[in-house]
Amino acid sequence: MRQYEDYVNSVKSDEAGKLTPEEGETTRGLALRISRAAKRVGKSADTWVRDGSVYFVVS
């Protein structure tokens, strides 16, 4: 899950991250992994889904 922690840490406070699920992944699962990764690094993430991609902001 280090991959998702890296995604969380790479997003600046004034940016939104975007991830698109790969084959076999769901947007809900992807959003959940981002939220959990943010908690592990002491941050919070707001996620939303639009057009099949997961967007997130970290604070």
PDB file of N, CA and C in Angstrom:
ATOM      1  N   MET A   1       0.811  -1.209   0.000  1.00  0.00           N
ATOM      2  CA  MET A   1       0.000   0.000   0.000  1.00  0.00           C
ATOM      3  C   MET A   1       0.852   1.270   0.000  1.00  0.00           C
ATOM      4  N   ARG A   2       2.148   1.109   0.020  1.00  0.00           N
ATOM      5  CA  ARG A   2       3.045   2.259  -0.019  1.00  0.00           C
ATOM      6  C   ARG A   2       2.786   3.121  -1.261  1.00  0.00           C
ATOM      7  N   GLN A   3       2.356   2.489  -2.315  1.00  0.00           N
ATOM      8  CA  GLN A   3       2.054   3.190  -3.567  1.00  0.00           C
ATOM      9  C   GLN A   3       1.026   4.298  -3.330  1.00  0.00           C
ATOM     10  N   TYR A   4      -0.002   4.022  -2.551  1.00  0.00           N
ATOM     11  CA  TYR A   4      -1.053   5.006  -2.309  1.00  0.00           C
ATOM     12  C   TYR A   4      -0.579   6.103  -1.367  1.00  0.00           C
ATOM     13  N   GLU A   5       0.283   5.759  -0.423  1.00  0.00           N
ATOM     14  CA  GLU A   5       0.868   6.784   0.437  1.00  0.00           C
ATOM     15  C   GLU A   5       1.706   7.750  -0.405  1.00  0.00           C
ATOM     16  N   ASP A   6       2.406   7.216  -1.390  1.00  0.00           N
ATOM     17  CA  ASP A   6       3.187   8.073  -2.293  1.00  0.00           C
ATOM     18  C   ASP A   6       2.275   9.003  -3.094  1.00  0.00           C
ATOM     19  N   TYR A   7       1.132   8.488  -3.555  1.00  0.00           N
ATOM     20  CA  TYR A   7       0.170   9.340  -4.266  1.00  0.00           C
ATOM     21  C   TYR A   7      -0.297  10.479  -3.362  1.00  0.00           C
ATOM     22  N   VAL A   8      -0.643  10.144  -2.117  1.00  0.00           N
ATOM     23  CA  VAL A   8      -1.131  11.148  -1.165  1.00  0.00           C
ATOM     24  C   VAL A   8      -0.060  12.206  -0.923  1.00  0.00           C
ATOM     25  N   ASN A   9       1.174  11.776  -0.701  1.00  0.00           N
ATOM     26  CA  ASN A   9       2.256  12.719  -0.413  1.00  0.00           C
ATOM     27  C   ASN A   9       2.662  13.552  -1.620  1.00  0.00           C
ATOM     28  N   SER A  10       2.357  13.089  -2.821  1.00  0.00           N
ATOM     29  CA  SER A  10       2.768  13.827  -4.019  1.00  0.00           C
ATOM     30  C   SER A  10       1.818  14.968  -4.386  1.00  0.00           C
ATOM     31  N   VAL A  11       0.628  14.974  -3.807  1.00  0.00           N
ATOM     32  CA  VAL A  11      -0.361  16.004  -4.142  1.00  0.00           C
ATOM     33  C   VAL A  11      -0.163  17.210  -3.228  1.00  0.00           C
ATOM     34  N   LYS A  12       0.021  18.374  -3.828  1.00  0.00           N
ATOM     35  CA  LYS A  12       0.181  19.611  -3.060  1.00  0.00           C
ATOM     36  C   LYS A  12      -1.169  20.055  -2.514  1.00  0.00           C
ATOM     37  N   SER A  13      -1.133  20.918  -1.512  1.00  0.00           N
ATOM     38  CA  SER A  13      -2.373  21.327  -0.843  1.00  0.00           C
ATOM     39  C   SER A  13      -3.324  22.094  -1.754  1.00  0.00           C
ATOM     40  N   ASP A  14      -2.819  22.704  -2.819  1.00  0.00           N
ATOM     41  CA  ASP A  14      -3.687  23.461  -3.724  1.00  0.00           C
ATOM     42  C   ASP A  14      -3.993  22.694  -5.012  1.00  0.00           C
ATOM     43  N   GLU A  15      -3.763  21.385  -4.994  1.00  0.00           N
ATOM     44  CA  GLU A  15      -3.999  20.546  -6.166  1.00  0.00           C
ATOM     45  C   GLU A  15      -4.974  19.421  -5.842  1.00  0.00           C
ATOM     46  N   ALA A  16      -5.516  18.833  -6.887  1.00  0.00           N
ATOM     47  CA  ALA A  16      -6.316  17.609  -6.748  1.00  0.00           C
ATOM     48  C   ALA A  16      -5.586  16.497  -7.488  1.00  0.00           C
ATOM     49  N   GLY A  17      -5.548  15.331  -6.865  1.00  0.00           N
ATOM     50  CA  GLY A  17      -4.976  14.163  -7.525  1.00  0.00           C
ATOM     51  C   GLY A  17      -6.046  13.459  -8.334  1.00  0.00           C
ATOM     52  N   LYS A  18      -5.619  12.683  -9.307  1.00  0.00           N
ATOM     53  CA  LYS A  18      -6.557  11.937 -10.148  1.00  0.00           C
ATOM     54  C   LYS A  18      -5.993  10.550 -10.393  1.00  0.00           C
ATOM     55  N   LEU A  19      -6.806   9.536 -10.123  1.00  0.00           N
ATOM     56  CA  LEU A  19      -6.434   8.153 -10.402  1.00  0.00           C
ATOM     57  C   LEU A  19      -7.564   7.489 -11.168  1.00  0.00           C
ATOM     58  N   THR A  20      -7.203   6.684 -12.137  1.00  0.00           N
ATOM     59  CA  THR A  20      -8.187   5.940 -12.919  1.00  0.00           C
ATOM     60  C   THR A  20      -8.021   4.458 -12.611  1.00  0.00           C
ATOM     61  N   PRO A  21      -9.108   3.789 -12.234  1.00  0.00           N
ATOM     62  CA  PRO A  21      -8.997   2.365 -11.894  1.00  0.00           C
ATOM     63  C   PRO A  21      -8.515   1.534 -13.080  1.00  0.00           C
ATOM     64  N   GLU A  22      -7.694   0.552 -12.765  1.00  0.00           N
ATOM     65  CA  GLU A  22      -7.246  -0.390 -13.781  1.00  0.00           C
ATOM     66  C   GLU A  22      -8.232  -1.545 -13.841  1.00  0.00           C
ATOM     67  N   GLU A  23      -8.017  -2.433 -14.768  1.00  0.00           N
ATOM     68  CA  GLU A  23      -8.874  -3.612 -14.928  1.00  0.00           C
ATOM     69  C   GLU A  23      -9.017  -4.346 -13.591  1.00  0.00           C
ATOM     70  N   GLY A  24     -10.241  -4.589 -13.187  1.00  0.00           N
ATOM     71  CA  GLY A  24     -10.506  -5.314 -11.951  1.00  0.00           C
ATOM     72  C   GLY A  24     -10.625  -4.437 -10.718  1.00  0.00           C
ATOM     73  N   GLU A  25     -10.297  -3.156 -10.817  1.00  0.00           N
ATOM     74  CA  GLU A  25     -10.431  -2.231  -9.699  1.00  0.00           C
ATOM     75  C   GLU A  25     -11.751  -1.479  -9.817  1.00  0.00           C
ATOM     76  N   THR A  26     -12.267  -1.040  -8.684  1.00  0.00           N
ATOM     77  CA  THR A  26     -13.458  -0.196  -8.689  1.00  0.00           C
ATOM     78  C   THR A  26     -13.077   1.200  -8.205  1.00  0.00           C
ATOM     79  N   THR A  27     -13.881   2.181  -8.570  1.00  0.00           N
ATOM     80  CA  THR A  27     -13.620   3.541  -8.095  1.00  0.00           C
ATOM     81  C   THR A  27     -13.781   3.612  -6.583  1.00  0.00           C
ATOM     82  N   ARG A  28     -14.754   2.885  -6.061  1.00  0.00           N
ATOM     83  CA  ARG A  28     -14.978   2.886  -4.612  1.00  0.00           C
ATOM     84  C   ARG A  28     -13.768   2.317  -3.869  1.00  0.00           C
ATOM     85  N   GLY A  29     -13.236   1.220  -4.354  1.00  0.00           N
ATOM     86  CA  GLY A  29     -12.062   0.616  -3.731  1.00  0.00           C
ATOM     87  C   GLY A  29     -10.852   1.528  -3.795  1.00  0.00           C
ATOM     88  N   LEU A  30     -10.677   2.183  -4.915  1.00  0.00           N
ATOM     89  CA  LEU A  30      -9.567   3.109  -5.092  1.00  0.00           C
ATOM     90  C   LEU A  30      -9.690   4.294  -4.136  1.00  0.00           C
ATOM     91  N   ALA A  31     -10.888   4.844  -4.017  1.00  0.00           N
ATOM     92  CA  ALA A  31     -11.121   5.963  -3.101  1.00  0.00           C
ATOM     93  C   ALA A  31     -10.852   5.546  -1.658  1.00  0.00           C
ATOM     94  N   LEU A  32     -11.251   4.348  -1.305  1.00  0.00           N
ATOM     95  CA  LEU A  32     -11.027   3.842   0.046  1.00  0.00           C
ATOM     96  C   LEU A  32      -9.534   3.688   0.331  1.00  0.00           C
ATOM     97  N   ARG A  33      -8.781   3.177  -0.617  1.00  0.00           N
ATOM     98  CA  ARG A  33      -7.335   3.017  -0.426  1.00  0.00           C
ATOM     99  C   ARG A  33      -6.640   4.370  -0.277  1.00  0.00           C
ATOM    100  N   ILE A  34      -7.084   5.369  -1.022  1.00  0.00           N
ATOM    101  CA  ILE A  34      -6.512   6.718  -0.888  1.00  0.00           C
ATOM    102  C   ILE A  34      -6.820   7.285   0.496  1.00  0.00           C
ATOM    103  N   SER A  35      -8.055   7.142   0.958  1.00  0.00           N
ATOM    104  CA  SER A  35      -8.437   7.654   2.278  1.00  0.00           C
ATOM    105  C   SER A  35      -7.641   6.983   3.386  1.00  0.00           C
ATOM    106  N   ARG A  36      -7.479   5.683   3.292  1.00  0.00           N
ATOM    107  CA  ARG A  36      -6.720   4.945   4.315  1.00  0.00           C
ATOM    108  C   ARG A  36      -5.238   5.321   4.289  1.00  0.00           C
ATOM    109  N   ALA A  37      -4.689   5.504   3.100  1.00  0.00           N
ATOM    110  CA  ALA A  37      -3.284   5.903   2.985  1.00  0.00           C
ATOM    111  C   ALA A  37      -3.071   7.284   3.602  1.00  0.00           C
ATOM    112  N   ALA A  38      -4.011   8.190   3.380  1.00  0.00           N
ATOM    113  CA  ALA A  38      -3.906   9.531   3.963  1.00  0.00           C
ATOM    114  C   ALA A  38      -3.887   9.446   5.486  1.00  0.00           C
ATOM    115  N   LYS A  39      -4.733   8.626   6.059  1.00  0.00           N
ATOM    116  CA  LYS A  39      -4.754   8.462   7.517  1.00  0.00           C
ATOM    117  C   LYS A  39      -3.428   7.913   8.028  1.00  0.00           C
ATOM    118  N   ARG A  40      -2.838   6.978   7.287  1.00  0.00           N
ATOM    119  CA  ARG A  40      -1.561   6.387   7.716  1.00  0.00           C
ATOM    120  C   ARG A  40      -0.439   7.415   7.761  1.00  0.00           C
ATOM    121  N   VAL A  41      -0.507   8.438   6.921  1.00  0.00           N
ATOM    122  CA  VAL A  41       0.540   9.464   6.920  1.00  0.00           C
ATOM    123  C   VAL A  41       0.111  10.722   7.679  1.00  0.00           C
ATOM    124  N   GLY A  42      -0.968  10.629   8.441  1.00  0.00           N
ATOM    125  CA  GLY A  42      -1.399  11.733   9.291  1.00  0.00           C
ATOM    126  C   GLY A  42      -2.123  12.852   8.573  1.00  0.00           C
ATOM    127  N   LYS A  43      -2.751  12.543   7.455  1.00  0.00           N
ATOM    128  CA  LYS A  43      -3.499  13.544   6.695  1.00  0.00           C
ATOM    129  C   LYS A  43      -4.926  13.055   6.498  1.00  0.00           C
ATOM    130  N   SER A  44      -5.742  13.910   5.911  1.00  0.00           N
ATOM    131  CA  SER A  44      -7.088  13.472   5.531  1.00  0.00           C
ATOM    132  C   SER A  44      -7.267  13.740   4.042  1.00  0.00           C
ATOM    133  N   ALA A  45      -8.098  12.922   3.430  1.00  0.00           N
ATOM    134  CA  ALA A  45      -8.330  13.056   1.991  1.00  0.00           C
ATOM    135  C   ALA A  45      -9.824  13.113   1.726  1.00  0.00           C
ATOM    136  N   ASP A  46     -10.221  14.054   0.912  1.00  0.00           N
ATOM    137  CA  ASP A  46     -11.594  14.110   0.411  1.00  0.00           C
ATOM    138  C   ASP A  46     -11.556  13.545  -1.000  1.00  0.00           C
ATOM    139  N   THR A  47     -12.416  12.570  -1.260  1.00  0.00           N
ATOM    140  CA  THR A  47     -12.423  11.916  -2.568  1.00  0.00           C
ATOM    141  C   THR A  47     -13.779  12.081  -3.231  1.00  0.00           C
ATOM    142  N   TRP A  48     -13.769  12.080  -4.556  1.00  0.00           N
ATOM    143  CA  TRP A  48     -15.011  12.064  -5.317  1.00  0.00           C
ATOM    144  C   TRP A  48     -14.746  11.371  -6.648  1.00  0.00           C
ATOM    145  N   VAL A  49     -15.819  10.893  -7.238  1.00  0.00           N
ATOM    146  CA  VAL A  49     -15.716  10.161  -8.501  1.00  0.00           C
ATOM    147  C   VAL A  49     -16.413  10.964  -9.590  1.00  0.00           C
ATOM    148  N   ARG A  50     -15.736  11.085 -10.713  1.00  0.00           N
ATOM    149  CA  ARG A  50     -16.325  11.774 -11.861  1.00  0.00           C
ATOM    150  C   ARG A  50     -15.805  11.108 -13.129  1.00  0.00           C
ATOM    151  N   ASP A  51     -16.724  10.740 -13.981  1.00  0.00           N
ATOM    152  CA  ASP A  51     -16.394  10.145 -15.281  1.00  0.00           C
ATOM    153  C   ASP A  51     -15.456   8.941 -15.162  1.00  0.00           C
ATOM    154  N   GLY A  52     -15.668   8.127 -14.138  1.00  0.00           N
ATOM    155  CA  GLY A  52     -14.903   6.896 -13.985  1.00  0.00           C
ATOM    156  C   GLY A  52     -13.529   7.044 -13.368  1.00  0.00           C
ATOM    157  N   SER A  53     -13.174   8.247 -12.921  1.00  0.00           N
ATOM    158  CA  SER A  53     -11.890   8.478 -12.260  1.00  0.00           C
ATOM    159  C   SER A  53     -12.131   8.940 -10.833  1.00  0.00           C
ATOM    160  N   VAL A  54     -11.157   8.694  -9.977  1.00  0.00           N
ATOM    161  CA  VAL A  54     -11.221   9.131  -8.584  1.00  0.00           C
ATOM    162  C   VAL A  54     -10.345  10.370  -8.447  1.00  0.00           C
ATOM    163  N   TYR A  55     -10.922  11.427  -7.931  1.00  0.00           N
ATOM    164  CA  TYR A  55     -10.196  12.662  -7.653  1.00  0.00           C
ATOM    165  C   TYR A  55     -10.086  12.797  -6.146  1.00  0.00           C
ATOM    166  N   PHE A  56      -9.006  13.430  -5.680  1.00  0.00           N
ATOM    167  CA  PHE A  56      -8.844  13.597  -4.238  1.00  0.00           C
ATOM    168  C   PHE A  56      -8.015  14.833  -3.924  1.00  0.00           C
ATOM    169  N   VAL A  57      -8.336  15.448  -2.806  1.00  0.00           N
ATOM    170  CA  VAL A  57      -7.540  16.540  -2.255  1.00  0.00           C
ATOM    171  C   VAL A  57      -7.122  16.119  -0.857  1.00  0.00           C
ATOM    172  N   VAL A  58      -5.946  16.549  -0.474  1.00  0.00           N
ATOM    173  CA  VAL A  58      -5.363  16.148   0.800  1.00  0.00           C
ATOM    174  C   VAL A  58      -5.189  17.380   1.673  1.00  0.00           C
ATOM    175  N   SER A  59      -5.512  17.221   2.946  1.00  0.00           N
ATOM    176  CA  SER A  59      -5.292  18.328   3.887  1.00  0.00           C
ATOM    177  C   SER A  59      -4.691  17.798   5.162  1.00  0.00           C
TER     178      SER A  59
END
